[in-house]
Structure formats: structure tokens, C-alpha cells
């Protein structure tokens, strides 16, 4: 059993940077790729980036307790192609039938109109150091969107295929990253540092391909990690239990059990109930560090 594939990417990349009196810095990049895995009319894609930093502590006279103050912002786009042979159906060789070879088509429908994936990220932030670097604060707010993601969606097997390659739509993440570093105690031989970091992220499914209302990421019996258009990545849905609906019954509202004694569930997709989200509300890290002469503990 062996296989062979070929893929080619040609690229042009350029960058430039400029600084003004050690106070303002601008950097820009640009790249264009041509990929053999995309249709001829869509195989060329360009993506740029730019970042700007302004050192306010060098531009203006700051109070003595402000050691350093910088504002920064950036925007960047990244393009991406896909795996070889995702555009047109092809046949694979199966078992022998006497002198004849069995050929079969895979269960995934290809897509000859694919376009490149795009990831656009924007962020703004500030870096502050106070009291001769005894306190340092880094704050960043970001928005990142992934558009036209190339992925496979499931199909009813009655259609003759089990999946289809599509450009999915738009997934957008936004959040905060905050870091705080402090030095509560510093003497000739001893130093105590404390570091804190906080992150919070939410990823929303803003758009889906035409004809789709949701995308399933994973699932087990009765439980599905599914996101509807406008919902958050990580949303979890459960099929509700079937219960006795006859109000005249002494068992009204009781769950209906199978012969094996397990709950039976309502498998109608329109009846699923959202029970939570698998992603954390936020993450918080704390790192103390103690240094005495040449010894440190963190």
C-alpha cells in the first residue's frame, strides 16, 4: 500500500521598517502566494501586515514615577491553501477481481471552486513600567477573524457521499490579554517578584456557508458540541429525555426507560437543549519568584 502526492507554492515576500528619533516605529510586510492546490482563477492570494509603536515616554515629559510608556497597534492578514487533490474527484485502486482491478471513489465530494482561507487579526495595546520598573503592565485587546475556512461537512450517506469540502464562512475571536509584573521587595541580596496574567477569549461563528445553519465539531450519544450561526464555538447541546406526557397518568413527567433500564432520548435535532460551553470563562496565572544571591525559587 503506497501513495504519492505533489504540491507547489510560489511566493514573493517583502518587508520594510522605519523609525523616527527612537520614538515612532512602523513596520509593514506583504506576501503573495500561488498554490497548485487551488483553482487557477483563485490560486493567487496577497496578504499584508502593518504595526505601529509610539513611545510616549520619549515624546513627552512624564512624571518621575513613569519609567516607560508605549502604545502599539497592528493589523495582519494571513492566507492559506489546502491539501493536494481537493478540487476534483479521483479514483483509488482497491482489491483484485481476477485480472481486473477494483477502482472506487472516496466518500468525500471535492470542490472545484475553492477560494483561499483568510485570517485577519487586529490588536491594540499598551506597555507601562512604573517606579523604576518595580511595576510593569502589558494590556492587549484583539479581534481575529478566520474567513472561508476549508473544511469537510458531513452528508447523509444516502446521497452517495459521506462528506463535502466547502469554504465555511467566518469565525471571529476577540479577547483581552493582561500581564502584570511587580517587585514588592528588593534589597542588596534578596528580591521578590510577582507575575500575574489574565486572558479572556470568545469565538463566535459569524457566518456559515449557504444552506448551513450549524456546524458539528464532535458528539457522543445524546451530546453534541455544535455551533449555530451567531453562536459561540464550544457550545454543547444535549438531546432531552423522553418523558410521559399523559397528564392523567400516575407517571406523568417520569422518564421513559428502554428495556435495558436506560433513559430514552428525543433525537429530533430541533429539540436539542443548550447545556453549556466547553471553553473557560477566563484563565488566570500567578507566578511568584524569590531570589537570594545566586539562588532562585519560582
Protein backbone atom coordinates (compact mmCIF):
# COMPACT_ATOMS: atom_id res chain seq x y z
CA UNK A 1 0.00 0.00 0.00
CA UNK A 2 1.58 3.29 -1.06
CA UNK A 3 0.54 6.76 -2.12
CA UNK A 4 2.12 9.80 -3.73
CA UNK A 5 1.12 13.45 -3.88
CA UNK A 6 2.64 16.66 -5.21
CA UNK A 7 2.08 20.27 -4.19
CA UNK A 8 3.80 23.50 -5.23
CA UNK A 9 3.69 27.02 -3.76
CA UNK A 10 5.46 30.03 -5.26
CA UNK A 11 5.79 33.13 -3.10
CA UNK A 12 7.00 36.72 -3.13
CA UNK A 13 7.63 38.41 0.22
CA UNK A 14 8.76 41.89 1.16
CA UNK A 15 9.08 43.96 4.31
CA UNK A 16 10.05 47.45 5.32
CA UNK A 17 10.55 49.29 8.60
CA UNK A 18 11.18 52.87 9.58
CA UNK A 19 11.87 54.60 12.88
CA UNK A 20 11.73 58.27 13.82
CA UNK A 21 14.03 59.60 16.57
CA UNK A 22 13.66 56.39 18.63
CA UNK A 23 10.05 57.42 19.33
CA UNK A 24 7.90 56.05 16.49
CA UNK A 25 8.37 52.75 14.69
CA UNK A 26 6.45 51.48 11.66
CA UNK A 27 6.84 48.06 10.06
CA UNK A 28 4.94 46.72 7.04
CA UNK A 29 5.06 43.39 5.20
CA UNK A 30 3.47 41.99 2.08
CA UNK A 31 3.34 38.49 0.64
CA UNK A 32 1.75 36.86 -2.39
CA UNK A 33 1.37 33.11 -2.82
CA UNK A 34 0.42 30.97 -5.80
CA UNK A 35 -0.70 27.46 -4.80
CA UNK A 36 -1.23 24.42 -7.01
CA UNK A 37 -3.96 23.12 -4.67
CA UNK A 38 -6.45 25.87 -5.60
CA UNK A 39 -8.31 26.53 -8.88
CA UNK A 40 -6.35 28.53 -11.47
CA UNK A 41 -8.57 31.59 -11.09
CA UNK A 42 -8.20 31.57 -7.27
CA UNK A 43 -4.68 30.29 -6.71
CA UNK A 44 -3.08 33.74 -6.30
CA UNK A 45 -3.67 35.47 -2.95
CA UNK A 46 -1.99 38.51 -1.35
CA UNK A 47 -1.84 39.28 2.36
CA UNK A 48 -0.22 42.30 4.08
CA UNK A 49 0.51 43.39 7.64
CA UNK A 50 1.44 46.57 9.46
CA UNK A 51 2.36 47.54 13.01
CA UNK A 52 2.93 50.91 14.67
CA UNK A 53 4.58 51.66 18.03
CA UNK A 54 4.70 55.07 19.72
CA UNK A 55 6.93 55.64 22.77
CA UNK A 56 5.08 58.36 24.64
CA UNK A 57 7.66 58.37 27.43
CA UNK A 58 10.23 59.69 24.91
CA UNK A 59 7.89 62.12 23.18
CA UNK A 60 6.66 63.88 26.33
CA UNK A 61 7.96 64.71 29.79
CA UNK A 62 6.47 62.14 32.15
CA UNK A 63 6.13 62.19 35.95
CA UNK A 64 9.15 60.75 37.73
CA UNK A 65 7.25 57.59 38.66
CA UNK A 66 6.53 56.73 34.99
CA UNK A 67 9.59 54.87 33.69
CA UNK A 68 8.25 53.78 30.29
CA UNK A 69 5.00 54.17 28.31
CA UNK A 70 4.35 52.73 24.84
CA UNK A 71 1.20 52.45 22.75
CA UNK A 72 1.07 49.90 19.94
CA UNK A 73 -1.29 48.66 17.29
CA UNK A 74 -1.21 46.23 14.44
CA UNK A 75 -3.19 44.59 11.69
CA UNK A 76 -2.17 41.45 9.83
CA UNK A 77 -3.70 39.12 7.27
CA UNK A 78 -2.63 35.55 6.51
CA UNK A 79 -3.72 33.43 3.56
CA UNK A 80 -3.83 29.65 3.38
CA UNK A 81 -4.44 26.95 0.78
CA UNK A 82 -5.46 23.32 1.24
CA UNK A 83 -4.24 19.76 0.70
CA UNK A 84 -3.48 18.39 -2.78
CA UNK A 85 -6.29 16.93 -4.88
CA UNK A 86 -9.19 18.66 -3.10
CA UNK A 87 -10.71 20.06 -6.31
CA UNK A 88 -11.75 17.09 -8.47
CA UNK A 89 -12.89 13.53 -7.84
CA UNK A 90 -10.34 10.79 -8.39
CA UNK A 91 -10.34 7.03 -8.11
CA UNK A 92 -8.29 4.79 -5.84
CA UNK A 93 -7.28 1.18 -6.52
CA UNK A 94 -9.00 -1.46 -4.42
CA UNK A 95 -8.84 -5.24 -4.41
CA UNK A 96 -8.29 -7.54 -7.39
CA UNK A 97 -11.22 -9.22 -9.18
CA UNK A 98 -9.37 -11.87 -11.14
CA UNK A 99 -7.35 -9.94 -13.70
CA UNK A 100 -9.38 -6.77 -13.10
CA UNK A 101 -8.64 -4.03 -10.60
CA UNK A 102 -11.39 -2.54 -8.46
CA UNK A 103 -11.47 1.27 -8.60
CA UNK A 104 -13.50 3.29 -6.13
CA UNK A 105 -14.23 6.95 -5.45
CA UNK A 106 -13.70 8.22 -1.90
CA UNK A 107 -16.64 9.29 0.24
CA UNK A 108 -15.67 12.98 0.22
CA UNK A 109 -17.00 15.23 -2.54
CA UNK A 110 -14.33 17.60 -3.88
CA UNK A 111 -14.89 21.28 -4.64
CA UNK A 112 -13.50 22.83 -7.88
CA UNK A 113 -14.48 26.39 -6.79
CA UNK A 114 -12.46 26.64 -3.54
CA UNK A 115 -11.01 30.02 -2.60
CA UNK A 116 -8.11 30.67 -0.18
CA UNK A 117 -8.68 30.86 3.56
CA UNK A 118 -8.14 34.29 5.14
CA UNK A 119 -7.22 35.15 8.72
CA UNK A 120 -7.36 38.85 9.64
CA UNK A 121 -6.21 39.96 13.10
CA UNK A 122 -6.23 43.42 14.66
CA UNK A 123 -4.90 44.44 18.04
CA UNK A 124 -4.16 47.49 20.17
CA UNK A 125 -2.22 47.61 23.39
CA UNK A 126 -0.08 49.48 25.86
CA UNK A 127 3.13 48.71 27.78
CA UNK A 128 3.69 50.62 31.02
CA UNK A 129 6.54 50.46 33.55
CA UNK A 130 6.38 52.43 36.79
CA UNK A 131 8.63 53.26 39.77
CA UNK A 132 11.92 52.26 38.12
CA UNK A 133 10.46 49.03 36.70
CA UNK A 134 9.02 47.83 40.02
CA UNK A 135 5.60 47.60 38.32
CA UNK A 136 5.08 46.54 34.70
CA UNK A 137 1.73 46.30 32.93
CA UNK A 138 1.00 44.94 29.44
CA UNK A 139 -2.54 45.18 28.06
CA UNK A 140 -3.73 43.92 24.66
CA UNK A 141 -7.17 43.81 23.07
CA UNK A 142 -7.50 41.77 19.87
CA UNK A 143 -10.03 40.77 17.24
CA UNK A 144 -9.21 37.90 14.88
CA UNK A 145 -11.39 36.61 12.06
CA UNK A 146 -10.94 33.41 10.04
CA UNK A 147 -12.86 33.56 6.76
CA UNK A 148 -13.51 30.97 4.06
CA UNK A 149 -12.09 28.13 6.13
CA UNK A 150 -11.64 24.99 4.04
CA UNK A 151 -13.14 22.01 5.86
CA UNK A 152 -15.35 18.99 5.40
CA UNK A 153 -19.00 18.79 6.42
CA UNK A 154 -21.00 15.60 6.84
CA UNK A 155 -23.59 14.47 4.29
CA UNK A 156 -26.34 11.86 4.54
CA UNK A 157 -24.85 8.63 3.24
CA UNK A 158 -27.95 8.20 1.05
CA UNK A 159 -26.54 10.99 -1.13
CA UNK A 160 -23.73 8.70 -2.25
CA UNK A 161 -21.05 10.51 -0.21
CA UNK A 162 -20.28 10.98 3.48
CA UNK A 163 -18.77 14.49 3.39
CA UNK A 164 -18.13 17.52 1.20
CA UNK A 165 -15.30 20.06 1.09
CA UNK A 166 -16.52 23.66 1.44
CA UNK A 167 -15.44 27.20 2.28
CA UNK A 168 -17.13 27.54 5.65
CA UNK A 169 -17.81 31.22 6.35
CA UNK A 170 -16.46 33.49 9.11
CA UNK A 171 -15.30 32.65 12.64
CA UNK A 172 -14.33 35.64 14.81
CA UNK A 173 -12.38 35.65 18.08
CA UNK A 174 -11.99 38.63 20.40
CA UNK A 175 -10.47 38.98 23.81
CA UNK A 176 -8.06 40.51 26.30
CA UNK A 177 -4.55 39.62 27.38
CA UNK A 178 -3.27 41.39 30.51
CA UNK A 179 0.08 40.87 32.21
CA UNK A 180 1.24 42.46 35.47
CA UNK A 181 4.76 42.13 36.88
CA UNK A 182 5.68 43.57 40.28
CA UNK A 183 8.66 43.63 42.62
CA UNK A 184 7.26 44.13 46.15
CA UNK A 185 10.65 43.69 47.86
CA UNK A 186 14.20 44.32 46.62
CA UNK A 187 17.33 44.58 48.78
CA UNK A 188 21.01 44.07 48.12
CA UNK A 189 20.80 40.26 48.33
CA UNK A 190 17.09 39.48 48.15
CA UNK A 191 14.38 40.06 45.54
CA UNK A 192 10.73 39.03 45.47
CA UNK A 193 8.89 39.23 42.13
CA UNK A 194 5.22 38.53 41.45
CA UNK A 195 3.78 37.93 37.99
CA UNK A 196 0.10 37.80 37.03
CA UNK A 197 -1.51 37.14 33.65
CA UNK A 198 -5.17 37.20 32.67
CA UNK A 199 -6.74 36.15 29.35
CA UNK A 200 -10.32 36.07 28.17
CA UNK A 201 -11.41 34.92 24.70
CA UNK A 202 -14.74 34.43 22.94
CA UNK A 203 -15.00 32.85 19.48
CA UNK A 204 -18.22 33.39 17.54
CA UNK A 205 -19.44 31.69 14.38
CA UNK A 206 -20.46 34.81 12.46
CA UNK A 207 -21.28 33.28 9.07
CA UNK A 208 -21.77 29.83 7.56
CA UNK A 209 -21.81 28.59 4.01
CA UNK A 210 -25.09 28.88 2.15
CA UNK A 211 -27.59 26.23 3.18
CA UNK A 212 -25.98 25.52 6.58
CA UNK A 213 -27.41 26.57 9.95
CA UNK A 214 -24.88 24.88 12.25
CA UNK A 215 -21.59 23.02 12.33
CA UNK A 216 -20.98 19.92 14.49
CA UNK A 217 -17.47 19.59 15.94
CA UNK A 218 -17.88 16.37 17.94
CA UNK A 219 -20.51 14.28 19.60
CA UNK A 220 -21.46 11.18 21.52
CA UNK A 221 -24.81 9.56 22.21
CA UNK A 222 -27.20 12.37 23.09
CA UNK A 223 -24.47 15.07 23.44
CA UNK A 224 -23.11 17.25 20.62
CA UNK A 225 -20.52 20.05 20.52
CA UNK A 226 -22.33 22.21 17.97
CA UNK A 227 -22.28 25.87 16.97
CA UNK A 228 -25.16 27.61 15.24
CA UNK A 229 -24.66 30.74 13.16
CA UNK A 230 -24.31 33.56 15.68
CA UNK A 231 -23.34 31.14 18.48
CA UNK A 232 -20.06 30.56 20.30
CA UNK A 233 -17.50 27.89 19.50
CA UNK A 234 -17.67 25.26 22.24
CA UNK A 235 -21.45 25.38 22.74
CA UNK A 236 -22.76 21.99 23.90
CA UNK A 237 -26.23 20.62 23.18
CA UNK A 238 -27.98 17.60 24.63
CA UNK A 239 -30.95 15.58 23.41
CA UNK A 240 -33.65 15.82 26.11
CA UNK A 241 -35.07 12.75 27.83
CA UNK A 242 -38.37 11.36 26.65
CA UNK A 243 -40.96 11.61 29.43
CA UNK A 244 -44.54 10.53 29.97
CA UNK A 245 -46.75 13.28 28.53
CA UNK A 246 -50.15 11.88 29.52
CA UNK A 247 -51.30 14.15 32.36
CA UNK A 248 -53.82 11.55 33.53
CA UNK A 249 -51.05 9.02 34.11
CA UNK A 250 -49.63 8.45 37.58
CA UNK A 251 -46.23 8.57 35.90
CA UNK A 252 -46.71 11.95 34.20
CA UNK A 253 -43.31 13.64 33.78
CA UNK A 254 -41.37 10.46 34.55
CA UNK A 255 -38.56 9.49 32.13
CA UNK A 256 -39.29 6.67 29.68
CA UNK A 257 -36.80 3.84 30.01
CA UNK A 258 -35.59 1.32 27.48
CA UNK A 259 -35.76 -2.44 28.04
CA UNK A 260 -32.25 -2.22 29.44
CA UNK A 261 -33.25 0.40 32.01
CA UNK A 262 -31.55 3.43 30.39
CA UNK A 263 -33.11 6.78 29.59
CA UNK A 264 -34.58 7.18 26.12
CA UNK A 265 -33.85 10.49 24.40
CA UNK A 266 -35.71 12.70 21.95
CA UNK A 267 -33.49 12.52 18.86
CA UNK A 268 -35.28 15.25 16.91
CA UNK A 269 -32.44 17.74 16.07
CA UNK A 270 -34.83 20.67 16.52
CA UNK A 271 -35.45 19.71 20.17
CA UNK A 272 -31.84 19.76 21.42
CA UNK A 273 -31.16 21.88 24.51
CA UNK A 274 -28.06 24.01 25.10
CA UNK A 275 -26.42 22.92 28.37
CA UNK A 276 -23.22 24.97 28.42
CA UNK A 277 -19.94 25.81 26.71
CA UNK A 278 -16.75 23.77 26.89
CA UNK A 279 -14.43 26.80 26.98
CA UNK A 280 -13.31 28.50 30.19
CA UNK A 281 -14.66 31.93 31.15
CA UNK A 282 -11.08 33.17 31.58
CA UNK A 283 -7.62 31.95 32.56
CA UNK A 284 -5.52 33.43 35.36
CA UNK A 285 -1.90 32.68 36.09
CA UNK A 286 0.17 33.65 39.14
CA UNK A 287 3.92 33.22 39.30
CA UNK A 288 5.93 34.24 42.37
CA UNK A 289 9.72 34.27 42.23
CA UNK A 290 12.20 34.57 45.12
CA UNK A 291 15.89 35.31 44.56
CA UNK A 292 18.59 35.30 47.24
CA UNK A 293 22.11 35.99 46.00
CA UNK A 294 22.72 33.23 43.40
CA UNK A 295 19.69 31.10 44.34
CA UNK A 296 16.19 31.48 42.92
CA UNK A 297 12.89 29.72 43.50
CA UNK A 298 9.77 30.19 41.38
